[in-house]
Amino acid sequence: MLSTGLPQGAVPKLERPGPLRDRVYGALLELITTRALQPGQHLVESELAGHLGVSRQPVREALQRLNTEGWVDLRPAQGAFVHEPTDEEADQLLRVRTLLEAEAARLAAANAGSAGIAVLEELCAQGESAVAADDVDAAVALNARLHATIMELAGNAVLAELAGQVDRRVRWYYTPIARQRGRQSWIEHRELIAAIADRDEQRATELMREHTEHTRTSYHARRRS
């Protein structure tokens, strides 16, 4: 265990191409969204710089950017801390996610072809296997890929752009409840894929709305427990 609380192997390797500040920003954002860096955790510039193999300057710049975007809180005389989302913040984001995802499911039911359906079914099978193996990280990643694929099959670039803006935060909220949702989440995915394959726009919309609402209520139930 590293001194900042990062599991061994959690720190991503920084690829050389591209501005260093952007690569450090991307690495820290990934650590936050996967919860390798936990909400409320103190972020020490010198330690993060050491783990990433860079100087403190790009870390400082990345933390400033993350603060602007709401991922990090900079507290006078205390330093930087991973932001702790309020219930209201989570509720607002997950409600918006429900609206976007429900429309994506409707459009996917109208537009998806057999190749797209096959991709969804394969992702679902992999997700079921991840849950059976209790591989939470894989389940979270596959959940994100499945939802992103539905968004792609919807064929609406504006909708996809809006969904992309909330995708990382959705993953951030979903990660701590992934094990709790477990197999039930993938049962819901199976039902949703069937509705899309049947071109049942109304059913796909309803199922996606219910599915995303389950995530929202599970998140709040965990926070209260």
Protein backbone atom coordinates (compact mmCIF):
# COMPACT_ATOMS: atom_id res chain seq x y z
CA MET A 1 0.00 0.00 0.00
CA LEU A 2 1.36 3.39 -0.99
CA SER A 3 1.45 6.23 1.52
CA THR A 4 -1.46 8.03 -0.15
CA GLY A 5 -3.59 4.92 0.16
CA LEU A 6 -3.25 3.77 -3.45
CA PRO A 7 -3.24 -0.01 -4.01
CA GLN A 8 -0.13 -1.43 -5.60
CA GLY A 9 -0.57 -1.37 -9.37
CA ALA A 10 -3.31 1.27 -9.28
CA VAL A 11 -1.12 4.12 -10.53
CA PRO A 12 -1.28 4.22 -14.33
CA LYS A 13 1.85 4.55 -16.42
CA LEU A 14 2.09 7.92 -18.09
CA GLU A 15 2.44 7.70 -21.86
CA ARG A 16 5.02 10.06 -23.30
CA PRO A 17 3.08 11.75 -26.15
CA GLY A 18 1.06 14.85 -25.27
CA PRO A 19 1.53 17.68 -22.74
CA LEU A 20 2.65 16.38 -19.36
CA ARG A 21 0.02 18.36 -17.46
CA ASP A 22 -2.73 16.71 -19.51
CA ARG A 23 -1.33 13.24 -18.90
CA VAL A 24 -1.06 13.85 -15.16
CA TYR A 25 -4.60 15.22 -15.16
CA GLY A 26 -5.87 12.11 -16.96
CA ALA A 27 -4.05 9.78 -14.58
CA LEU A 28 -5.41 11.51 -11.48
CA LEU A 29 -8.94 11.64 -12.90
CA GLU A 30 -8.83 7.91 -13.59
CA LEU A 31 -7.65 7.24 -10.03
CA ILE A 32 -10.53 9.32 -8.68
CA THR A 33 -13.28 7.88 -10.86
CA THR A 34 -12.22 4.30 -10.13
CA ARG A 35 -12.03 5.25 -6.42
CA ALA A 36 -8.42 4.22 -6.07
CA LEU A 37 -8.37 7.71 -4.56
CA GLN A 38 -11.36 7.81 -2.23
CA PRO A 39 -13.75 10.75 -1.67
CA GLY A 40 -12.36 12.91 1.12
CA GLN A 41 -8.82 11.58 0.72
CA HIS A 42 -6.00 14.09 1.22
CA LEU A 43 -3.93 14.55 -1.94
CA VAL A 44 -0.30 15.40 -1.23
CA GLU A 45 1.44 16.92 -4.23
CA SER A 46 4.88 15.52 -3.46
CA GLU A 47 3.58 11.97 -2.94
CA LEU A 48 1.46 12.01 -6.11
CA ALA A 49 4.41 13.40 -8.06
CA GLY A 50 6.58 10.56 -6.76
CA HIS A 51 4.05 7.89 -7.67
CA LEU A 52 3.61 9.32 -11.18
CA GLY A 53 7.31 9.97 -11.71
CA VAL A 54 6.93 13.68 -12.42
CA SER A 55 7.71 17.00 -10.74
CA ARG A 56 5.21 18.73 -8.47
CA GLN A 57 4.35 21.44 -11.03
CA PRO A 58 2.20 19.33 -13.40
CA VAL A 59 0.52 17.74 -10.36
CA ARG A 60 -0.30 21.20 -9.01
CA GLU A 61 -1.70 22.23 -12.40
CA ALA A 62 -3.76 19.04 -12.63
CA LEU A 63 -5.19 19.55 -9.15
CA GLN A 64 -6.19 23.10 -10.07
CA ARG A 65 -8.03 21.81 -13.13
CA LEU A 66 -9.69 19.02 -11.16
CA ASN A 67 -10.79 21.60 -8.61
CA THR A 68 -12.36 23.71 -11.35
CA GLU A 69 -14.26 20.66 -12.62
CA GLY A 70 -15.48 19.66 -9.15
CA TRP A 71 -13.40 16.50 -8.68
CA VAL A 72 -11.06 17.99 -6.07
CA ASP A 73 -11.56 20.51 -3.26
CA LEU A 74 -8.71 22.94 -2.55
CA ARG A 75 -8.90 24.10 1.07
CA PRO A 76 -6.87 27.08 2.30
CA ALA A 77 -4.03 26.04 4.61
CA GLN A 78 -5.09 22.38 4.34
CA GLY A 79 -4.38 21.33 0.76
CA ALA A 80 -6.23 19.27 -1.83
CA PHE A 81 -8.86 16.62 -1.10
CA VAL A 82 -10.92 14.36 -3.35
CA HIS A 83 -14.38 15.87 -3.51
CA GLU A 84 -17.11 14.19 -1.46
CA PRO A 85 -20.35 14.40 -3.44
CA THR A 86 -23.48 15.43 -1.60
CA ASP A 87 -26.71 13.48 -1.92
CA GLU A 88 -28.18 16.37 -3.91
CA GLU A 89 -25.26 16.35 -6.38
CA ALA A 90 -25.59 12.62 -6.92
CA ASP A 91 -29.35 12.84 -7.28
CA GLN A 92 -29.20 15.60 -9.87
CA LEU A 93 -26.61 13.82 -11.98
CA LEU A 94 -28.27 10.41 -11.84
CA ARG A 95 -31.66 11.90 -12.75
CA VAL A 96 -30.12 13.57 -15.80
CA ARG A 97 -28.47 10.27 -16.65
CA THR A 98 -31.89 8.58 -16.56
CA LEU A 99 -33.27 11.06 -19.09
CA LEU A 100 -30.33 10.65 -21.47
CA GLU A 101 -30.14 6.86 -21.21
CA ALA A 102 -33.89 6.35 -21.63
CA GLU A 103 -33.87 8.32 -24.88
CA ALA A 104 -30.78 6.42 -26.05
CA ALA A 105 -32.54 3.11 -25.43
CA ARG A 106 -35.56 4.27 -27.44
CA LEU A 107 -33.40 5.34 -30.37
CA ALA A 108 -31.32 2.15 -30.19
CA ALA A 109 -34.53 0.10 -30.43
CA ALA A 110 -35.45 2.09 -33.53
CA ASN A 111 -32.04 1.98 -35.20
CA ALA A 112 -29.92 -0.96 -34.03
CA GLY A 113 -29.07 -3.73 -36.46
CA SER A 114 -28.14 -7.34 -35.81
CA ALA A 115 -24.42 -6.54 -35.49
CA GLY A 116 -25.08 -3.98 -32.76
CA ILE A 117 -27.36 -6.38 -30.90
CA ALA A 118 -24.64 -9.04 -31.05
CA VAL A 119 -22.16 -6.63 -29.47
CA LEU A 120 -24.58 -5.88 -26.63
CA GLU A 121 -25.18 -9.58 -26.03
CA GLU A 122 -21.45 -10.30 -25.90
CA LEU A 123 -20.84 -7.44 -23.44
CA CYS A 124 -23.69 -8.73 -21.29
CA ALA A 125 -22.24 -12.24 -21.27
CA GLN A 126 -18.87 -10.84 -20.21
CA GLY A 127 -20.52 -8.77 -17.50
CA GLU A 128 -22.34 -11.82 -16.14
CA SER A 129 -19.04 -13.68 -16.04
CA ALA A 130 -17.39 -10.79 -14.19
CA VAL A 131 -20.14 -10.79 -11.57
CA ALA A 132 -19.86 -14.56 -11.17
CA ALA A 133 -16.11 -14.15 -10.62
CA ASP A 134 -16.72 -11.24 -8.18
CA ASP A 135 -14.52 -9.05 -10.41
CA VAL A 136 -16.02 -5.67 -9.54
CA ASP A 137 -13.57 -3.62 -11.61
CA ALA A 138 -14.35 -5.63 -14.74
CA ALA A 139 -18.10 -5.46 -14.05
CA VAL A 140 -17.95 -1.68 -13.71
CA ALA A 141 -15.93 -1.32 -16.92
CA LEU A 142 -18.26 -3.64 -18.85
CA ASN A 143 -21.32 -1.84 -17.51
CA ALA A 144 -19.90 1.43 -18.85
CA ARG A 145 -19.10 -0.17 -22.22
CA LEU A 146 -22.58 -1.63 -22.57
CA HIS A 147 -24.26 1.69 -21.85
CA ALA A 148 -21.84 3.48 -24.19
CA THR A 149 -22.66 0.97 -26.93
CA ILE A 150 -26.39 1.62 -26.53
CA MET A 151 -25.62 5.32 -26.84
CA GLU A 152 -23.66 4.65 -30.05
CA LEU A 153 -26.50 2.56 -31.47
CA ALA A 154 -28.90 5.42 -30.79
CA GLY A 155 -27.15 7.33 -33.56
CA ASN A 156 -27.64 10.80 -32.07
CA ALA A 157 -24.35 12.70 -31.85
CA VAL A 158 -25.70 15.46 -29.59
CA LEU A 159 -27.15 12.93 -27.17
CA ALA A 160 -23.85 11.04 -27.14
CA GLU A 161 -21.92 14.24 -26.43
CA LEU A 162 -24.15 15.09 -23.48
CA ALA A 163 -23.89 11.55 -22.14
CA GLY A 164 -20.13 11.69 -22.45
CA GLN A 165 -20.04 14.72 -20.19
CA VAL A 166 -21.63 12.79 -17.32
CA ASP A 167 -20.12 9.36 -18.03
CA ARG A 168 -17.17 9.61 -15.64
CA ARG A 169 -19.32 10.86 -12.79
CA VAL A 170 -21.83 8.07 -13.37
CA ARG A 171 -18.98 5.57 -13.14
CA TRP A 172 -17.80 7.29 -9.95
CA TYR A 173 -21.23 6.84 -8.35
CA TYR A 174 -21.75 3.34 -9.71
CA THR A 175 -18.46 1.81 -8.55
CA PRO A 176 -19.31 1.58 -4.80
CA ILE A 177 -22.67 -0.11 -5.49
CA ALA A 178 -21.53 -2.44 -8.28
CA ARG A 179 -21.28 -5.45 -5.99
CA GLN A 180 -24.61 -4.61 -4.36
CA ARG A 181 -26.35 -4.37 -7.75
CA GLY A 182 -24.50 -7.49 -8.89
CA ARG A 183 -26.37 -10.08 -10.92
CA GLN A 184 -29.65 -8.12 -10.87
CA SER A 185 -28.10 -5.34 -12.91
CA TRP A 186 -27.18 -7.78 -15.67
CA ILE A 187 -30.63 -9.42 -15.59
CA GLU A 188 -31.99 -5.94 -16.30
CA HIS A 189 -29.45 -5.55 -19.11
CA ARG A 190 -30.65 -8.82 -20.67
CA GLU A 191 -34.26 -7.61 -20.62
CA LEU A 192 -33.23 -4.28 -22.11
CA ILE A 193 -31.26 -5.89 -24.93
CA ALA A 194 -34.24 -8.10 -25.74
CA ALA A 195 -36.49 -5.03 -26.03
CA ILE A 196 -33.96 -3.31 -28.31
CA ALA A 197 -33.68 -6.44 -30.45
CA ASP A 198 -37.51 -6.58 -30.70
CA ARG A 199 -37.53 -2.92 -31.79
CA ASP A 200 -39.92 -2.19 -28.93
CA GLU A 201 -39.15 1.48 -28.35
CA GLN A 202 -41.61 1.96 -25.51
CA ARG A 203 -40.47 -1.14 -23.64
CA ALA A 204 -36.79 -0.25 -24.09
CA THR A 205 -37.44 3.24 -22.75
CA GLU A 206 -39.31 1.95 -19.71
CA LEU A 207 -36.71 -0.70 -18.91
CA MET A 208 -33.81 1.74 -19.17
CA ARG A 209 -35.61 4.26 -16.98
CA GLU A 210 -36.24 1.59 -14.35
CA HIS A 211 -32.66 0.31 -14.64
CA THR A 212 -31.05 3.69 -14.10
CA GLU A 213 -33.47 4.53 -11.30
CA HIS A 214 -32.39 1.34 -9.51
CA THR A 215 -28.81 2.62 -9.62
CA ARG A 216 -29.89 5.95 -8.16
CA THR A 217 -31.91 4.42 -5.32
CA SER A 218 -29.14 1.90 -4.57
CA TYR A 219 -26.60 4.71 -4.32
CA HIS A 220 -28.75 6.61 -1.83
CA ALA A 221 -29.52 3.46 0.16
CA ARG A 222 -25.79 2.79 0.51
CA ARG A 223 -25.14 6.36 1.65
CA ARG A 224 -27.79 6.02 4.37
CA SER A 225 -26.57 2.62 5.61
